[in-house]
Every structure is written in structure tokens, then in C-alpha cells.
Amino acid sequence: NEGSKENISNEEMIELGKISITVK
């Protein structure tokens, strides 16, 4: 939706990184 977006934000990476807390 944002044609100019080229990078994932730090906030988005932090949100994705939360999976590491819950993995078995």
C-alpha cells in the first residue's frame, strides 16, 4: 500500500521477534 516503503521498521521487527519468546 505504500509504494515508497523499502524497509521494515524497528517496531515491526520487535513485533515479529516476539515469537522467539514463545517458541517450544
PDBML (XML) file of the C-alpha atoms, coordinates in Angstrom:
<?xml version="1.0" encoding="UTF-8" ?>
<PDBx:datablock datablockName="MODEL"
   xmlns:PDBx="http://pdbml.pdb.org/schema/pdbx-v50.xsd"
   xmlns:xsi="http://www.w3.org/2001/XMLSchema-instance"
   xsi:schemaLocation="http://pdbml.pdb.org/schema/pdbx-v50.xsd pdbx-v50.xsd">
   <PDBx:atom_siteCategory>
      <PDBx:atom_site id="1">
         <PDBx:B_iso_or_equiv>0.00</PDBx:B_iso_or_equiv>
         <PDBx:Cartn_x>0.000</PDBx:Cartn_x>
         <PDBx:Cartn_y>0.000</PDBx:Cartn_y>
         <PDBx:Cartn_z>0.000</PDBx:Cartn_z>
         <PDBx:auth_asym_id>A</PDBx:auth_asym_id>
         <PDBx:auth_atom_id>CA</PDBx:auth_atom_id>
         <PDBx:auth_comp_id>ASN</PDBx:auth_comp_id>
         <PDBx:auth_seq_id>1</PDBx:auth_seq_id>
         <PDBx:group_PDB>ATOM</PDBx:group_PDB>
         <PDBx:label_alt_id xsi:nil="true" />
         <PDBx:label_asym_id>A</PDBx:label_asym_id>
         <PDBx:label_atom_id>CA</PDBx:label_atom_id>
         <PDBx:label_comp_id>ASN</PDBx:label_comp_id>
         <PDBx:label_entity_id>1</PDBx:label_entity_id>
         <PDBx:label_seq_id>1</PDBx:label_seq_id>
         <PDBx:occupancy>1.00</PDBx:occupancy>
         <PDBx:pdbx_PDB_model_num>1</PDBx:pdbx_PDB_model_num>
         <PDBx:type_symbol>C</PDBx:type_symbol>
      </PDBx:atom_site>
      <PDBx:atom_site id="2">
         <PDBx:B_iso_or_equiv>0.00</PDBx:B_iso_or_equiv>
         <PDBx:Cartn_x>2.944</PDBx:Cartn_x>
         <PDBx:Cartn_y>2.338</PDBx:Cartn_y>
         <PDBx:Cartn_z>0.478</PDBx:Cartn_z>
         <PDBx:auth_asym_id>A</PDBx:auth_asym_id>
         <PDBx:auth_atom_id>CA</PDBx:auth_atom_id>
         <PDBx:auth_comp_id>GLU</PDBx:auth_comp_id>
         <PDBx:auth_seq_id>2</PDBx:auth_seq_id>
         <PDBx:group_PDB>ATOM</PDBx:group_PDB>
         <PDBx:label_alt_id xsi:nil="true" />
         <PDBx:label_asym_id>A</PDBx:label_asym_id>
         <PDBx:label_atom_id>CA</PDBx:label_atom_id>
         <PDBx:label_comp_id>GLU</PDBx:label_comp_id>
         <PDBx:label_entity_id>1</PDBx:label_entity_id>
         <PDBx:label_seq_id>2</PDBx:label_seq_id>
         <PDBx:occupancy>1.00</PDBx:occupancy>
         <PDBx:pdbx_PDB_model_num>1</PDBx:pdbx_PDB_model_num>
         <PDBx:type_symbol>C</PDBx:type_symbol>
      </PDBx:atom_site>
      <PDBx:atom_site id="3">
         <PDBx:B_iso_or_equiv>0.00</PDBx:B_iso_or_equiv>
         <PDBx:Cartn_x>4.855</PDBx:Cartn_x>
         <PDBx:Cartn_y>2.183</PDBx:Cartn_y>
         <PDBx:Cartn_z>-2.780</PDBx:Cartn_z>
         <PDBx:auth_asym_id>A</PDBx:auth_asym_id>
         <PDBx:auth_atom_id>CA</PDBx:auth_atom_id>
         <PDBx:auth_comp_id>GLY</PDBx:auth_comp_id>
         <PDBx:auth_seq_id>3</PDBx:auth_seq_id>
         <PDBx:group_PDB>ATOM</PDBx:group_PDB>
         <PDBx:label_alt_id xsi:nil="true" />
         <PDBx:label_asym_id>A</PDBx:label_asym_id>
         <PDBx:label_atom_id>CA</PDBx:label_atom_id>
         <PDBx:label_comp_id>GLY</PDBx:label_comp_id>
         <PDBx:label_entity_id>1</PDBx:label_entity_id>
         <PDBx:label_seq_id>3</PDBx:label_seq_id>
         <PDBx:occupancy>1.00</PDBx:occupancy>
         <PDBx:pdbx_PDB_model_num>1</PDBx:pdbx_PDB_model_num>
         <PDBx:type_symbol>C</PDBx:type_symbol>
      </PDBx:atom_site>
      <PDBx:atom_site id="4">
         <PDBx:B_iso_or_equiv>0.00</PDBx:B_iso_or_equiv>
         <PDBx:Cartn_x>7.745</PDBx:Cartn_x>
         <PDBx:Cartn_y>4.096</PDBx:Cartn_y>
         <PDBx:Cartn_z>-1.251</PDBx:Cartn_z>
         <PDBx:auth_asym_id>A</PDBx:auth_asym_id>
         <PDBx:auth_atom_id>CA</PDBx:auth_atom_id>
         <PDBx:auth_comp_id>SER</PDBx:auth_comp_id>
         <PDBx:auth_seq_id>4</PDBx:auth_seq_id>
         <PDBx:group_PDB>ATOM</PDBx:group_PDB>
         <PDBx:label_alt_id xsi:nil="true" />
         <PDBx:label_asym_id>A</PDBx:label_asym_id>
         <PDBx:label_atom_id>CA</PDBx:label_atom_id>
         <PDBx:label_comp_id>SER</PDBx:label_comp_id>
         <PDBx:label_entity_id>1</PDBx:label_entity_id>
         <PDBx:label_seq_id>4</PDBx:label_seq_id>
         <PDBx:occupancy>1.00</PDBx:occupancy>
         <PDBx:pdbx_PDB_model_num>1</PDBx:pdbx_PDB_model_num>
         <PDBx:type_symbol>C</PDBx:type_symbol>
      </PDBx:atom_site>
      <PDBx:atom_site id="5">
         <PDBx:B_iso_or_equiv>0.00</PDBx:B_iso_or_equiv>
         <PDBx:Cartn_x>8.246</PDBx:Cartn_x>
         <PDBx:Cartn_y>1.721</PDBx:Cartn_y>
         <PDBx:Cartn_z>1.716</PDBx:Cartn_z>
         <PDBx:auth_asym_id>A</PDBx:auth_asym_id>
         <PDBx:auth_atom_id>CA</PDBx:auth_atom_id>
         <PDBx:auth_comp_id>LYS</PDBx:auth_comp_id>
         <PDBx:auth_seq_id>5</PDBx:auth_seq_id>
         <PDBx:group_PDB>ATOM</PDBx:group_PDB>
         <PDBx:label_alt_id xsi:nil="true" />
         <PDBx:label_asym_id>A</PDBx:label_asym_id>
         <PDBx:label_atom_id>CA</PDBx:label_atom_id>
         <PDBx:label_comp_id>LYS</PDBx:label_comp_id>
         <PDBx:label_entity_id>1</PDBx:label_entity_id>
         <PDBx:label_seq_id>5</PDBx:label_seq_id>
         <PDBx:occupancy>1.00</PDBx:occupancy>
         <PDBx:pdbx_PDB_model_num>1</PDBx:pdbx_PDB_model_num>
         <PDBx:type_symbol>C</PDBx:type_symbol>
      </PDBx:atom_site>
      <PDBx:atom_site id="6">
         <PDBx:B_iso_or_equiv>0.00</PDBx:B_iso_or_equiv>
         <PDBx:Cartn_x>11.611</PDBx:Cartn_x>
         <PDBx:Cartn_y>-0.037</PDBx:Cartn_y>
         <PDBx:Cartn_z>1.415</PDBx:Cartn_z>
         <PDBx:auth_asym_id>A</PDBx:auth_asym_id>
         <PDBx:auth_atom_id>CA</PDBx:auth_atom_id>
         <PDBx:auth_comp_id>GLU</PDBx:auth_comp_id>
         <PDBx:auth_seq_id>6</PDBx:auth_seq_id>
         <PDBx:group_PDB>ATOM</PDBx:group_PDB>
         <PDBx:label_alt_id xsi:nil="true" />
         <PDBx:label_asym_id>A</PDBx:label_asym_id>
         <PDBx:label_atom_id>CA</PDBx:label_atom_id>
         <PDBx:label_comp_id>GLU</PDBx:label_comp_id>
         <PDBx:label_entity_id>1</PDBx:label_entity_id>
         <PDBx:label_seq_id>6</PDBx:label_seq_id>
         <PDBx:occupancy>1.00</PDBx:occupancy>
         <PDBx:pdbx_PDB_model_num>1</PDBx:pdbx_PDB_model_num>
         <PDBx:type_symbol>C</PDBx:type_symbol>
      </PDBx:atom_site>
      <PDBx:atom_site id="7">
         <PDBx:B_iso_or_equiv>0.00</PDBx:B_iso_or_equiv>
         <PDBx:Cartn_x>12.382</PDBx:Cartn_x>
         <PDBx:Cartn_y>-1.144</PDBx:Cartn_y>
         <PDBx:Cartn_z>4.959</PDBx:Cartn_z>
         <PDBx:auth_asym_id>A</PDBx:auth_asym_id>
         <PDBx:auth_atom_id>CA</PDBx:auth_atom_id>
         <PDBx:auth_comp_id>ASN</PDBx:auth_comp_id>
         <PDBx:auth_seq_id>7</PDBx:auth_seq_id>
         <PDBx:group_PDB>ATOM</PDBx:group_PDB>
         <PDBx:label_alt_id xsi:nil="true" />
         <PDBx:label_asym_id>A</PDBx:label_asym_id>
         <PDBx:label_atom_id>CA</PDBx:label_atom_id>
         <PDBx:label_comp_id>ASN</PDBx:label_comp_id>
         <PDBx:label_entity_id>1</PDBx:label_entity_id>
         <PDBx:label_seq_id>7</PDBx:label_seq_id>
         <PDBx:occupancy>1.00</PDBx:occupancy>
         <PDBx:pdbx_PDB_model_num>1</PDBx:pdbx_PDB_model_num>
         <PDBx:type_symbol>C</PDBx:type_symbol>
      </PDBx:atom_site>
      <PDBx:atom_site id="8">
         <PDBx:B_iso_or_equiv>0.00</PDBx:B_iso_or_equiv>
         <PDBx:Cartn_x>10.729</PDBx:Cartn_x>
         <PDBx:Cartn_y>-2.839</PDBx:Cartn_y>
         <PDBx:Cartn_z>7.876</PDBx:Cartn_z>
         <PDBx:auth_asym_id>A</PDBx:auth_asym_id>
         <PDBx:auth_atom_id>CA</PDBx:auth_atom_id>
         <PDBx:auth_comp_id>ILE</PDBx:auth_comp_id>
         <PDBx:auth_seq_id>8</PDBx:auth_seq_id>
         <PDBx:group_PDB>ATOM</PDBx:group_PDB>
         <PDBx:label_alt_id xsi:nil="true" />
         <PDBx:label_asym_id>A</PDBx:label_asym_id>
         <PDBx:label_atom_id>CA</PDBx:label_atom_id>
         <PDBx:label_comp_id>ILE</PDBx:label_comp_id>
         <PDBx:label_entity_id>1</PDBx:label_entity_id>
         <PDBx:label_seq_id>8</PDBx:label_seq_id>
         <PDBx:occupancy>1.00</PDBx:occupancy>
         <PDBx:pdbx_PDB_model_num>1</PDBx:pdbx_PDB_model_num>
         <PDBx:type_symbol>C</PDBx:type_symbol>
      </PDBx:atom_site>
      <PDBx:atom_site id="9">
         <PDBx:B_iso_or_equiv>0.00</PDBx:B_iso_or_equiv>
         <PDBx:Cartn_x>10.515</PDBx:Cartn_x>
         <PDBx:Cartn_y>-0.532</PDBx:Cartn_y>
         <PDBx:Cartn_z>10.873</PDBx:Cartn_z>
         <PDBx:auth_asym_id>A</PDBx:auth_asym_id>
         <PDBx:auth_atom_id>CA</PDBx:auth_atom_id>
         <PDBx:auth_comp_id>SER</PDBx:auth_comp_id>
         <PDBx:auth_seq_id>9</PDBx:auth_seq_id>
         <PDBx:group_PDB>ATOM</PDBx:group_PDB>
         <PDBx:label_alt_id xsi:nil="true" />
         <PDBx:label_asym_id>A</PDBx:label_asym_id>
         <PDBx:label_atom_id>CA</PDBx:label_atom_id>
         <PDBx:label_comp_id>SER</PDBx:label_comp_id>
         <PDBx:label_entity_id>1</PDBx:label_entity_id>
         <PDBx:label_seq_id>9</PDBx:label_seq_id>
         <PDBx:occupancy>1.00</PDBx:occupancy>
         <PDBx:pdbx_PDB_model_num>1</PDBx:pdbx_PDB_model_num>
         <PDBx:type_symbol>C</PDBx:type_symbol>
      </PDBx:atom_site>
      <PDBx:atom_site id="10">
         <PDBx:B_iso_or_equiv>0.00</PDBx:B_iso_or_equiv>
         <PDBx:Cartn_x>12.223</PDBx:Cartn_x>
         <PDBx:Cartn_y>-1.315</PDBx:Cartn_y>
         <PDBx:Cartn_z>14.162</PDBx:Cartn_z>
         <PDBx:auth_asym_id>A</PDBx:auth_asym_id>
         <PDBx:auth_atom_id>CA</PDBx:auth_atom_id>
         <PDBx:auth_comp_id>ASN</PDBx:auth_comp_id>
         <PDBx:auth_seq_id>10</PDBx:auth_seq_id>
         <PDBx:group_PDB>ATOM</PDBx:group_PDB>
         <PDBx:label_alt_id xsi:nil="true" />
         <PDBx:label_asym_id>A</PDBx:label_asym_id>
         <PDBx:label_atom_id>CA</PDBx:label_atom_id>
         <PDBx:label_comp_id>ASN</PDBx:label_comp_id>
         <PDBx:label_entity_id>1</PDBx:label_entity_id>
         <PDBx:label_seq_id>10</PDBx:label_seq_id>
         <PDBx:occupancy>1.00</PDBx:occupancy>
         <PDBx:pdbx_PDB_model_num>1</PDBx:pdbx_PDB_model_num>
         <PDBx:type_symbol>C</PDBx:type_symbol>
      </PDBx:atom_site>
      <PDBx:atom_site id="11">
         <PDBx:B_iso_or_equiv>0.00</PDBx:B_iso_or_equiv>
         <PDBx:Cartn_x>8.777</PDBx:Cartn_x>
         <PDBx:Cartn_y>-1.614</PDBx:Cartn_y>
         <PDBx:Cartn_z>15.746</PDBx:Cartn_z>
         <PDBx:auth_asym_id>A</PDBx:auth_asym_id>
         <PDBx:auth_atom_id>CA</PDBx:auth_atom_id>
         <PDBx:auth_comp_id>GLU</PDBx:auth_comp_id>
         <PDBx:auth_seq_id>11</PDBx:auth_seq_id>
         <PDBx:group_PDB>ATOM</PDBx:group_PDB>
         <PDBx:label_alt_id xsi:nil="true" />
         <PDBx:label_asym_id>A</PDBx:label_asym_id>
         <PDBx:label_atom_id>CA</PDBx:label_atom_id>
         <PDBx:label_comp_id>GLU</PDBx:label_comp_id>
         <PDBx:label_entity_id>1</PDBx:label_entity_id>
         <PDBx:label_seq_id>11</PDBx:label_seq_id>
         <PDBx:occupancy>1.00</PDBx:occupancy>
         <PDBx:pdbx_PDB_model_num>1</PDBx:pdbx_PDB_model_num>
         <PDBx:type_symbol>C</PDBx:type_symbol>
      </PDBx:atom_site>
      <PDBx:atom_site id="12">
         <PDBx:B_iso_or_equiv>0.00</PDBx:B_iso_or_equiv>
         <PDBx:Cartn_x>7.742</PDBx:Cartn_x>
         <PDBx:Cartn_y>-4.212</PDBx:Cartn_y>
         <PDBx:Cartn_z>13.162</PDBx:Cartn_z>
         <PDBx:auth_asym_id>A</PDBx:auth_asym_id>
         <PDBx:auth_atom_id>CA</PDBx:auth_atom_id>
         <PDBx:auth_comp_id>GLU</PDBx:auth_comp_id>
         <PDBx:auth_seq_id>12</PDBx:auth_seq_id>
         <PDBx:group_PDB>ATOM</PDBx:group_PDB>
         <PDBx:label_alt_id xsi:nil="true" />
         <PDBx:label_asym_id>A</PDBx:label_asym_id>
         <PDBx:label_atom_id>CA</PDBx:label_atom_id>
         <PDBx:label_comp_id>GLU</PDBx:label_comp_id>
         <PDBx:label_entity_id>1</PDBx:label_entity_id>
         <PDBx:label_seq_id>12</PDBx:label_seq_id>
         <PDBx:occupancy>1.00</PDBx:occupancy>
         <PDBx:pdbx_PDB_model_num>1</PDBx:pdbx_PDB_model_num>
         <PDBx:type_symbol>C</PDBx:type_symbol>
      </PDBx:atom_site>
      <PDBx:atom_site id="13">
         <PDBx:B_iso_or_equiv>0.00</PDBx:B_iso_or_equiv>
         <PDBx:Cartn_x>10.930</PDBx:Cartn_x>
         <PDBx:Cartn_y>-6.222</PDBx:Cartn_y>
         <PDBx:Cartn_z>13.742</PDBx:Cartn_z>
         <PDBx:auth_asym_id>A</PDBx:auth_asym_id>
         <PDBx:auth_atom_id>CA</PDBx:auth_atom_id>
         <PDBx:auth_comp_id>MET</PDBx:auth_comp_id>
         <PDBx:auth_seq_id>13</PDBx:auth_seq_id>
         <PDBx:group_PDB>ATOM</PDBx:group_PDB>
         <PDBx:label_alt_id xsi:nil="true" />
         <PDBx:label_asym_id>A</PDBx:label_asym_id>
         <PDBx:label_atom_id>CA</PDBx:label_atom_id>
         <PDBx:label_comp_id>MET</PDBx:label_comp_id>
         <PDBx:label_entity_id>1</PDBx:label_entity_id>
         <PDBx:label_seq_id>13</PDBx:label_seq_id>
         <PDBx:occupancy>1.00</PDBx:occupancy>
         <PDBx:pdbx_PDB_model_num>1</PDBx:pdbx_PDB_model_num>
         <PDBx:type_symbol>C</PDBx:type_symbol>
      </PDBx:atom_site>
      <PDBx:atom_site id="14">
         <PDBx:B_iso_or_equiv>0.00</PDBx:B_iso_or_equiv>
         <PDBx:Cartn_x>10.348</PDBx:Cartn_x>
         <PDBx:Cartn_y>-6.105</PDBx:Cartn_y>
         <PDBx:Cartn_z>17.508</PDBx:Cartn_z>
         <PDBx:auth_asym_id>A</PDBx:auth_asym_id>
         <PDBx:auth_atom_id>CA</PDBx:auth_atom_id>
         <PDBx:auth_comp_id>ILE</PDBx:auth_comp_id>
         <PDBx:auth_seq_id>14</PDBx:auth_seq_id>
         <PDBx:group_PDB>ATOM</PDBx:group_PDB>
         <PDBx:label_alt_id xsi:nil="true" />
         <PDBx:label_asym_id>A</PDBx:label_asym_id>
         <PDBx:label_atom_id>CA</PDBx:label_atom_id>
         <PDBx:label_comp_id>ILE</PDBx:label_comp_id>
         <PDBx:label_entity_id>1</PDBx:label_entity_id>
         <PDBx:label_seq_id>14</PDBx:label_seq_id>
         <PDBx:occupancy>1.00</PDBx:occupancy>
         <PDBx:pdbx_PDB_model_num>1</PDBx:pdbx_PDB_model_num>
         <PDBx:type_symbol>C</PDBx:type_symbol>
      </PDBx:atom_site>
      <PDBx:atom_site id="15">
         <PDBx:B_iso_or_equiv>0.00</PDBx:B_iso_or_equiv>
         <PDBx:Cartn_x>6.788</PDBx:Cartn_x>
         <PDBx:Cartn_y>-7.337</PDBx:Cartn_y>
         <PDBx:Cartn_z>16.998</PDBx:Cartn_z>
         <PDBx:auth_asym_id>A</PDBx:auth_asym_id>
         <PDBx:auth_atom_id>CA</PDBx:auth_atom_id>
         <PDBx:auth_comp_id>GLU</PDBx:auth_comp_id>
         <PDBx:auth_seq_id>15</PDBx:auth_seq_id>
         <PDBx:group_PDB>ATOM</PDBx:group_PDB>
         <PDBx:label_alt_id xsi:nil="true" />
         <PDBx:label_asym_id>A</PDBx:label_asym_id>
         <PDBx:label_atom_id>CA</PDBx:label_atom_id>
         <PDBx:label_comp_id>GLU</PDBx:label_comp_id>
         <PDBx:label_entity_id>1</PDBx:label_entity_id>
         <PDBx:label_seq_id>15</PDBx:label_seq_id>
         <PDBx:occupancy>1.00</PDBx:occupancy>
         <PDBx:pdbx_PDB_model_num>1</PDBx:pdbx_PDB_model_num>
         <PDBx:type_symbol>C</PDBx:type_symbol>
      </PDBx:atom_site>
      <PDBx:atom_site id="16">
         <PDBx:B_iso_or_equiv>0.00</PDBx:B_iso_or_equiv>
         <PDBx:Cartn_x>7.997</PDBx:Cartn_x>
         <PDBx:Cartn_y>-10.217</PDBx:Cartn_y>
         <PDBx:Cartn_z>14.796</PDBx:Cartn_z>
         <PDBx:auth_asym_id>A</PDBx:auth_asym_id>
         <PDBx:auth_atom_id>CA</PDBx:auth_atom_id>
         <PDBx:auth_comp_id>LEU</PDBx:auth_comp_id>
         <PDBx:auth_seq_id>16</PDBx:auth_seq_id>
         <PDBx:group_PDB>ATOM</PDBx:group_PDB>
         <PDBx:label_alt_id xsi:nil="true" />
         <PDBx:label_asym_id>A</PDBx:label_asym_id>
         <PDBx:label_atom_id>CA</PDBx:label_atom_id>
         <PDBx:label_comp_id>LEU</PDBx:label_comp_id>
         <PDBx:label_entity_id>1</PDBx:label_entity_id>
         <PDBx:label_seq_id>16</PDBx:label_seq_id>
         <PDBx:occupancy>1.00</PDBx:occupancy>
         <PDBx:pdbx_PDB_model_num>1</PDBx:pdbx_PDB_model_num>
         <PDBx:type_symbol>C</PDBx:type_symbol>
      </PDBx:atom_site>
      <PDBx:atom_site id="17">
         <PDBx:B_iso_or_equiv>0.00</PDBx:B_iso_or_equiv>
         <PDBx:Cartn_x>10.753</PDBx:Cartn_x>
         <PDBx:Cartn_y>-11.002</PDBx:Cartn_y>
         <PDBx:Cartn_z>17.287</PDBx:Cartn_z>
         <PDBx:auth_asym_id>A</PDBx:auth_asym_id>
         <PDBx:auth_atom_id>CA</PDBx:auth_atom_id>
         <PDBx:auth_comp_id>GLY</PDBx:auth_comp_id>
         <PDBx:auth_seq_id>17</PDBx:auth_seq_id>
         <PDBx:group_PDB>ATOM</PDBx:group_PDB>
         <PDBx:label_alt_id xsi:nil="true" />
         <PDBx:label_asym_id>A</PDBx:label_asym_id>
         <PDBx:label_atom_id>CA</PDBx:label_atom_id>
         <PDBx:label_comp_id>GLY</PDBx:label_comp_id>
         <PDBx:label_entity_id>1</PDBx:label_entity_id>
         <PDBx:label_seq_id>17</PDBx:label_seq_id>
         <PDBx:occupancy>1.00</PDBx:occupancy>
         <PDBx:pdbx_PDB_model_num>1</PDBx:pdbx_PDB_model_num>
         <PDBx:type_symbol>C</PDBx:type_symbol>
      </PDBx:atom_site>
      <PDBx:atom_site id="18">
         <PDBx:B_iso_or_equiv>0.00</PDBx:B_iso_or_equiv>
         <PDBx:Cartn_x>8.178</PDBx:Cartn_x>
         <PDBx:Cartn_y>-11.725</PDBx:Cartn_y>
         <PDBx:Cartn_z>19.991</PDBx:Cartn_z>
         <PDBx:auth_asym_id>A</PDBx:auth_asym_id>
         <PDBx:auth_atom_id>CA</PDBx:auth_atom_id>
         <PDBx:auth_comp_id>LYS</PDBx:auth_comp_id>
         <PDBx:auth_seq_id>18</PDBx:auth_seq_id>
         <PDBx:group_PDB>ATOM</PDBx:group_PDB>
         <PDBx:label_alt_id xsi:nil="true" />
         <PDBx:label_asym_id>A</PDBx:label_asym_id>
         <PDBx:label_atom_id>CA</PDBx:label_atom_id>
         <PDBx:label_comp_id>LYS</PDBx:label_comp_id>
         <PDBx:label_entity_id>1</PDBx:label_entity_id>
         <PDBx:label_seq_id>18</PDBx:label_seq_id>
         <PDBx:occupancy>1.00</PDBx:occupancy>
         <PDBx:pdbx_PDB_model_num>1</PDBx:pdbx_PDB_model_num>
         <PDBx:type_symbol>C</PDBx:type_symbol>
      </PDBx:atom_site>
      <PDBx:atom_site id="19">
         <PDBx:B_iso_or_equiv>0.00</PDBx:B_iso_or_equiv>
         <PDBx:Cartn_x>7.815</PDBx:Cartn_x>
         <PDBx:Cartn_y>-15.213</PDBx:Cartn_y>
         <PDBx:Cartn_z>18.516</PDBx:Cartn_z>
         <PDBx:auth_asym_id>A</PDBx:auth_asym_id>
         <PDBx:auth_atom_id>CA</PDBx:auth_atom_id>
         <PDBx:auth_comp_id>ILE</PDBx:auth_comp_id>
         <PDBx:auth_seq_id>19</PDBx:auth_seq_id>
         <PDBx:group_PDB>ATOM</PDBx:group_PDB>
         <PDBx:label_alt_id xsi:nil="true" />
         <PDBx:label_asym_id>A</PDBx:label_asym_id>
         <PDBx:label_atom_id>CA</PDBx:label_atom_id>
         <PDBx:label_comp_id>ILE</PDBx:label_comp_id>
         <PDBx:label_entity_id>1</PDBx:label_entity_id>
         <PDBx:label_seq_id>19</PDBx:label_seq_id>
         <PDBx:occupancy>1.00</PDBx:occupancy>
         <PDBx:pdbx_PDB_model_num>1</PDBx:pdbx_PDB_model_num>
         <PDBx:type_symbol>C</PDBx:type_symbol>
      </PDBx:atom_site>
      <PDBx:atom_site id="20">
         <PDBx:B_iso_or_equiv>0.00</PDBx:B_iso_or_equiv>
         <PDBx:Cartn_x>11.213</PDBx:Cartn_x>
         <PDBx:Cartn_y>-16.064</PDBx:Cartn_y>
         <PDBx:Cartn_z>19.996</PDBx:Cartn_z>
         <PDBx:auth_asym_id>A</PDBx:auth_asym_id>
         <PDBx:auth_atom_id>CA</PDBx:auth_atom_id>
         <PDBx:auth_comp_id>SER</PDBx:auth_comp_id>
         <PDBx:auth_seq_id>20</PDBx:auth_seq_id>
         <PDBx:group_PDB>ATOM</PDBx:group_PDB>
         <PDBx:label_alt_id xsi:nil="true" />
         <PDBx:label_asym_id>A</PDBx:label_asym_id>
         <PDBx:label_atom_id>CA</PDBx:label_atom_id>
         <PDBx:label_comp_id>SER</PDBx:label_comp_id>
         <PDBx:label_entity_id>1</PDBx:label_entity_id>
         <PDBx:label_seq_id>20</PDBx:label_seq_id>
         <PDBx:occupancy>1.00</PDBx:occupancy>
         <PDBx:pdbx_PDB_model_num>1</PDBx:pdbx_PDB_model_num>
         <PDBx:type_symbol>C</PDBx:type_symbol>
      </PDBx:atom_site>
      <PDBx:atom_site id="21">
         <PDBx:B_iso_or_equiv>0.00</PDBx:B_iso_or_equiv>
         <PDBx:Cartn_x>9.748</PDBx:Cartn_x>
         <PDBx:Cartn_y>-15.708</PDBx:Cartn_y>
         <PDBx:Cartn_z>23.495</PDBx:Cartn_z>
         <PDBx:auth_asym_id>A</PDBx:auth_asym_id>
         <PDBx:auth_atom_id>CA</PDBx:auth_atom_id>
         <PDBx:auth_comp_id>ILE</PDBx:auth_comp_id>
         <PDBx:auth_seq_id>21</PDBx:auth_seq_id>
         <PDBx:group_PDB>ATOM</PDBx:group_PDB>
         <PDBx:label_alt_id xsi:nil="true" />
         <PDBx:label_asym_id>A</PDBx:label_asym_id>
         <PDBx:label_atom_id>CA</PDBx:label_atom_id>
         <PDBx:label_comp_id>ILE</PDBx:label_comp_id>
         <PDBx:label_entity_id>1</PDBx:label_entity_id>
         <PDBx:label_seq_id>21</PDBx:label_seq_id>
         <PDBx:occupancy>1.00</PDBx:occupancy>
         <PDBx:pdbx_PDB_model_num>1</PDBx:pdbx_PDB_model_num>
         <PDBx:type_symbol>C</PDBx:type_symbol>
      </PDBx:atom_site>
      <PDBx:atom_site id="22">
         <PDBx:B_iso_or_equiv>0.00</PDBx:B_iso_or_equiv>
         <PDBx:Cartn_x>7.017</PDBx:Cartn_x>
         <PDBx:Cartn_y>-18.280</PDBx:Cartn_y>
         <PDBx:Cartn_z>22.946</PDBx:Cartn_z>
         <PDBx:auth_asym_id>A</PDBx:auth_asym_id>
         <PDBx:auth_atom_id>CA</PDBx:auth_atom_id>
         <PDBx:auth_comp_id>THR</PDBx:auth_comp_id>
         <PDBx:auth_seq_id>22</PDBx:auth_seq_id>
         <PDBx:group_PDB>ATOM</PDBx:group_PDB>
         <PDBx:label_alt_id xsi:nil="true" />
         <PDBx:label_asym_id>A</PDBx:label_asym_id>
         <PDBx:label_atom_id>CA</PDBx:label_atom_id>
         <PDBx:label_comp_id>THR</PDBx:label_comp_id>
         <PDBx:label_entity_id>1</PDBx:label_entity_id>
         <PDBx:label_seq_id>22</PDBx:label_seq_id>
         <PDBx:occupancy>1.00</PDBx:occupancy>
         <PDBx:pdbx_PDB_model_num>1</PDBx:pdbx_PDB_model_num>
         <PDBx:type_symbol>C</PDBx:type_symbol>
      </PDBx:atom_site>
      <PDBx:atom_site id="23">
         <PDBx:B_iso_or_equiv>0.00</PDBx:B_iso_or_equiv>
         <PDBx:Cartn_x>8.593</PDBx:Cartn_x>
         <PDBx:Cartn_y>-20.978</PDBx:Cartn_y>
         <PDBx:Cartn_z>20.790</PDBx:Cartn_z>
         <PDBx:auth_asym_id>A</PDBx:auth_asym_id>
         <PDBx:auth_atom_id>CA</PDBx:auth_atom_id>
         <PDBx:auth_comp_id>VAL</PDBx:auth_comp_id>
         <PDBx:auth_seq_id>23</PDBx:auth_seq_id>
         <PDBx:group_PDB>ATOM</PDBx:group_PDB>
         <PDBx:label_alt_id xsi:nil="true" />
         <PDBx:label_asym_id>A</PDBx:label_asym_id>
         <PDBx:label_atom_id>CA</PDBx:label_atom_id>
         <PDBx:label_comp_id>VAL</PDBx:label_comp_id>
         <PDBx:label_entity_id>1</PDBx:label_entity_id>
         <PDBx:label_seq_id>23</PDBx:label_seq_id>
         <PDBx:occupancy>1.00</PDBx:occupancy>
         <PDBx:pdbx_PDB_model_num>1</PDBx:pdbx_PDB_model_num>
         <PDBx:type_symbol>C</PDBx:type_symbol>
      </PDBx:atom_site>
      <PDBx:atom_site id="24">
         <PDBx:B_iso_or_equiv>0.00</PDBx:B_iso_or_equiv>
         <PDBx:Cartn_x>8.919</PDBx:Cartn_x>
         <PDBx:Cartn_y>-24.525</PDBx:Cartn_y>
         <PDBx:Cartn_z>22.018</PDBx:Cartn_z>
         <PDBx:auth_asym_id>A</PDBx:auth_asym_id>
         <PDBx:auth_atom_id>CA</PDBx:auth_atom_id>
         <PDBx:auth_comp_id>LYS</PDBx:auth_comp_id>
         <PDBx:auth_seq_id>24</PDBx:auth_seq_id>
         <PDBx:group_PDB>ATOM</PDBx:group_PDB>
         <PDBx:label_alt_id xsi:nil="true" />
         <PDBx:label_asym_id>A</PDBx:label_asym_id>
         <PDBx:label_atom_id>CA</PDBx:label_atom_id>
         <PDBx:label_comp_id>LYS</PDBx:label_comp_id>
         <PDBx:label_entity_id>1</PDBx:label_entity_id>
         <PDBx:label_seq_id>24</PDBx:label_seq_id>
         <PDBx:occupancy>1.00</PDBx:occupancy>
         <PDBx:pdbx_PDB_model_num>1</PDBx:pdbx_PDB_model_num>
         <PDBx:type_symbol>C</PDBx:type_symbol>
      </PDBx:atom_site>
   </PDBx:atom_siteCategory>
</PDBx:datablock>
